[in-house]
C-alpha atoms as a PDB file:
ATOM      1  CA  GLN A   1       2.243 -19.214   5.500  1.00  0.00           C
ATOM      2  CA  VAL A   2       0.211 -16.726   4.107  1.00  0.00           C
ATOM      3  CA  GLN A   3       1.443 -13.747   4.361  1.00  0.00           C
ATOM      4  CA  LEU A   4       1.096 -10.002   2.557  1.00  0.00           C
ATOM      5  CA  VAL A   5       4.860  -8.349   1.584  1.00  0.00           C
ATOM      6  CA  GLU A   6       5.588  -4.416   0.599  1.00  0.00           C
ATOM      7  CA  SER A   7       8.565  -3.498  -1.580  1.00  0.00           C
ATOM      8  CA  GLY A   8       9.542  -0.919  -3.330  1.00  0.00           C
ATOM      9  CA  GLY A   9      10.553   1.907  -0.853  1.00  0.00           C
ATOM     10  CA  GLY A  10      13.410   3.975  -0.595  1.00  0.00           C
ATOM     11  CA  LEU A  11      15.089   7.579  -0.484  1.00  0.00           C
ATOM     12  CA  VAL A  12      13.443  10.047  -3.236  1.00  0.00           C
ATOM     13  CA  GLN A  13      14.418  13.230  -4.195  1.00  0.00           C
ATOM     14  CA  PRO A  14      10.989  16.251  -3.670  1.00  0.00           C
ATOM     15  CA  GLY A  15       9.120  16.034  -6.756  1.00  0.00           C
ATOM     16  CA  GLY A  16      10.325  12.540  -7.641  1.00  0.00           C
ATOM     17  CA  SER A  17       8.551   8.920  -8.457  1.00  0.00           C
ATOM     18  CA  LEU A  18       8.014   5.824  -6.358  1.00  0.00           C
ATOM     19  CA  ARG A  19       6.183   2.879  -7.172  1.00  0.00           C
ATOM     20  CA  LEU A  20       5.213   0.322  -4.266  1.00  0.00           C
ATOM     21  CA  SER A  21       3.816  -3.091  -4.212  1.00  0.00           C
ATOM     22  CA  CYS A  22       2.319  -5.644  -2.021  1.00  0.00           C
ATOM     23  CA  VAL A  23       2.412  -9.049  -2.822  1.00  0.00           C
ATOM     24  CA  ALA A  24      -0.218 -11.458  -1.054  1.00  0.00           C
ATOM     25  CA  SER A  25       0.918 -15.189  -0.506  1.00  0.00           C
ATOM     26  CA  GLY A  26       0.264 -18.879  -0.370  1.00  0.00           C
ATOM     27  CA  THR A  27      -2.845 -20.329  -0.146  1.00  0.00           C
ATOM     28  CA  ILE A  28      -5.789 -17.801  -1.007  1.00  0.00           C
ATOM     29  CA  PHE A  29      -8.856 -17.611  -2.400  1.00  0.00           C
ATOM     30  CA  ARG A  30      -9.839 -13.981  -2.250  1.00  0.00           C
ATOM     31  CA  VAL A  31      -8.018 -11.005  -1.250  1.00  0.00           C
ATOM     32  CA  ASN A  32     -11.031  -8.409  -1.114  1.00  0.00           C
ATOM     33  CA  THR A  33     -10.464  -4.803  -0.540  1.00  0.00           C
ATOM     34  CA  MET A  34      -6.799  -3.714  -0.553  1.00  0.00           C
ATOM     35  CA  ARG A  35      -5.759  -0.140   1.304  1.00  0.00           C
ATOM     36  CA  TRP A  36      -1.989   1.298   1.747  1.00  0.00           C
ATOM     37  CA  TYR A  37      -1.483   3.381   4.675  1.00  0.00           C
ATOM     38  CA  GLN A  38       1.601   5.465   5.560  1.00  0.00           C
ATOM     39  CA  GLN A  39       2.773   5.830   9.362  1.00  0.00           C
ATOM     40  CA  ALA A  40       4.901   9.261   9.671  1.00  0.00           C
ATOM     41  CA  PRO A  41       7.263   9.275  13.277  1.00  0.00           C
ATOM     42  CA  GLY A  42       5.874  10.163  15.594  1.00  0.00           C
ATOM     43  CA  LYS A  43       2.017   9.826  13.800  1.00  0.00           C
ATOM     44  CA  GLN A  44      -0.729   7.808  13.924  1.00  0.00           C
ATOM     45  CA  ARG A  45      -0.752   5.415  11.113  1.00  0.00           C
ATOM     46  CA  GLU A  46      -3.218   7.010   7.859  1.00  0.00           C
ATOM     47  CA  LEU A  47      -5.091   5.642   5.407  1.00  0.00           C
ATOM     48  CA  VAL A  48      -3.021   6.999   2.443  1.00  0.00           C
ATOM     49  CA  ALA A  49      -5.904   4.748  -0.752  1.00  0.00           C
ATOM     50  CA  SER A  50      -8.372   1.863  -1.186  1.00  0.00           C
ATOM     51  CA  ILE A  51      -8.980  -0.373  -3.612  1.00  0.00           C
ATOM     52  CA  THR A  52     -11.835  -2.587  -4.106  1.00  0.00           C
ATOM     53  CA  PHE A  53     -11.540  -6.336  -5.258  1.00  0.00           C
ATOM     54  CA  ASP A  54     -13.285  -5.016  -8.302  1.00  0.00           C
ATOM     55  CA  GLY A  55     -11.068  -2.048  -9.122  1.00  0.00           C
ATOM     56  CA  ASP A  56     -12.618   0.836  -7.204  1.00  0.00           C
ATOM     57  CA  THR A  57     -10.887   4.103  -5.258  1.00  0.00           C
ATOM     58  CA  ASP A  58     -11.022   6.332  -2.872  1.00  0.00           C
ATOM     59  CA  TYR A  59      -7.253   9.088  -1.324  1.00  0.00           C
ATOM     60  CA  ALA A  60      -7.445  10.994   0.921  1.00  0.00           C
ATOM     61  CA  ASP A  61      -7.303  14.341   0.147  1.00  0.00           C
ATOM     62  CA  SER A  62      -3.619  14.417   1.329  1.00  0.00           C
ATOM     63  CA  VAL A  63      -2.729  12.030  -1.999  1.00  0.00           C
ATOM     64  CA  LYS A  64      -5.097  13.273  -4.575  1.00  0.00           C
ATOM     65  CA  GLY A  65      -3.985  14.139  -7.942  1.00  0.00           C
ATOM     66  CA  ARG A  66      -0.715  12.525  -6.816  1.00  0.00           C
ATOM     67  CA  PHE A  67      -1.057   8.881  -5.736  1.00  0.00           C
ATOM     68  CA  THR A  68      -2.897   6.365  -7.861  1.00  0.00           C
ATOM     69  CA  ILE A  69      -3.393   2.962  -6.247  1.00  0.00           C
ATOM     70  CA  SER A  70      -3.750  -0.249  -9.020  1.00  0.00           C
ATOM     71  CA  ARG A  71      -4.213  -4.400  -8.150  1.00  0.00           C
ATOM     72  CA  ASP A  72      -3.786  -7.504 -10.327  1.00  0.00           C
ATOM     73  CA  ASN A  73      -6.253 -10.188  -8.775  1.00  0.00           C
ATOM     74  CA  ALA A  74      -4.180 -12.781 -11.020  1.00  0.00           C
ATOM     75  CA  LYS A  75      -0.940 -11.927  -9.470  1.00  0.00           C
ATOM     76  CA  SER A  76      -2.781 -10.860  -5.577  1.00  0.00           C
ATOM     77  CA  THR A  77      -0.659  -8.019  -6.604  1.00  0.00           C
ATOM     78  CA  MET A  78      -0.846  -3.828  -5.535  1.00  0.00           C
ATOM     79  CA  TYR A  79       0.620  -0.594  -6.333  1.00  0.00           C
ATOM     80  CA  LEU A  80       0.356   2.308  -5.064  1.00  0.00           C
ATOM     81  CA  GLN A  81       2.474   4.798  -7.869  1.00  0.00           C
ATOM     82  CA  MET A  82       3.578   8.070  -6.168  1.00  0.00           C
ATOM     83  CA  ASN A  83       4.322  11.475  -7.340  1.00  0.00           C
ATOM     84  CA  SER A  84       5.386  14.549  -6.500  1.00  0.00           C
ATOM     85  CA  LEU A  85       7.109  13.482  -3.673  1.00  0.00           C
ATOM     86  CA  LYS A  86       6.509  15.582  -0.971  1.00  0.00           C
ATOM     87  CA  PRO A  87       9.290  15.642   2.352  1.00  0.00           C
ATOM     88  CA  GLU A  88       6.157  15.189   4.182  1.00  0.00           C
ATOM     89  CA  ASP A  89       5.300  11.853   2.673  1.00  0.00           C
ATOM     90  CA  THR A  90       8.124  10.507   4.058  1.00  0.00           C
ATOM     91  CA  ALA A  91       6.497   7.639   6.034  1.00  0.00           C
ATOM     92  CA  VAL A  92       6.833   3.577   6.212  1.00  0.00           C
ATOM     93  CA  PHE A  93       4.080   2.513   4.800  1.00  0.00           C
ATOM     94  CA  TYR A  94       1.992  -0.823   4.783  1.00  0.00           C
ATOM     95  CA  CYS A  95      -0.620  -2.745   3.110  1.00  0.00           C
ATOM     96  CA  THR A  96      -3.703  -4.706   4.806  1.00  0.00           C
ATOM     97  CA  ALA A  97      -6.759  -7.228   3.480  1.00  0.00           C
ATOM     98  CA  PRO A  98      -9.289  -8.818   4.427  1.00  0.00           C
ATOM     99  CA  MET A  99      -8.070 -12.003   2.474  1.00  0.00           C
ATOM    100  CA  PHE A 100     -10.314 -15.575   2.280  1.00  0.00           C
ATOM    101  CA  THR A 101      -8.081 -18.339   3.225  1.00  0.00           C
ATOM    102  CA  THR A 102      -8.079 -22.139   4.629  1.00  0.00           C
ATOM    103  CA  ASP A 103      -7.931 -20.048   8.794  1.00  0.00           C
ATOM    104  CA  GLY A 104     -11.285 -17.853   7.107  1.00  0.00           C
ATOM    105  CA  VAL A 105     -11.353 -14.496   7.023  1.00  0.00           C
ATOM    106  CA  ARG A 106      -9.419 -11.935   8.768  1.00  0.00           C
ATOM    107  CA  ALA A 107      -6.960  -8.568   8.146  1.00  0.00           C
ATOM    108  CA  TYR A 108      -3.786  -9.409   7.268  1.00  0.00           C
ATOM    109  CA  TRP A 109      -0.622  -6.186   7.421  1.00  0.00           C
ATOM    110  CA  GLY A 110       2.262  -6.511   5.851  1.00  0.00           C
ATOM    111  CA  PRO A 111       5.767  -5.658   7.247  1.00  0.00           C
ATOM    112  CA  GLY A 112       5.794  -2.199   5.859  1.00  0.00           C
ATOM    113  CA  THR A 113       8.860  -1.052   3.265  1.00  0.00           C
ATOM    114  CA  PRO A 114      10.147   2.551   4.116  1.00  0.00           C
ATOM    115  CA  VAL A 115      10.235   6.062   2.311  1.00  0.00           C
ATOM    116  CA  THR A 116      12.058   8.705   2.645  1.00  0.00           C
ATOM    117  CA  VAL A 117      11.906  12.290   1.024  1.00  0.00           C
ATOM    118  CA  SER A 118      15.002  14.260   1.277  1.00  0.00           C
ATOM    119  CA  SER A 119      16.917  16.144  -1.086  1.00  0.00           C
END
């Protein structure tokens, strides 16, 4: 079964750091551009950062200079290093990616990992 699973969320104080991971598993031929989204309570899901297969990155203005996205194609894994966390970063973080599998190419989403920034 092809799936994406996030991990690494938790409770952190303002100014702290967390590192999220997103692992793709199953019979996968290629994972294309991978993205992190966040969804704060009562708000719409928003794009945080993206990374292409070749490593080109893009960030939302709200996280530039604080978050770093990376990936390890050999491990089918994406990371989000989050530094200088603020209370407004509190959200459920989701990873998503279009993946080429035995079923063709379609987008997959992980179940999400919660991040709470609070003192």
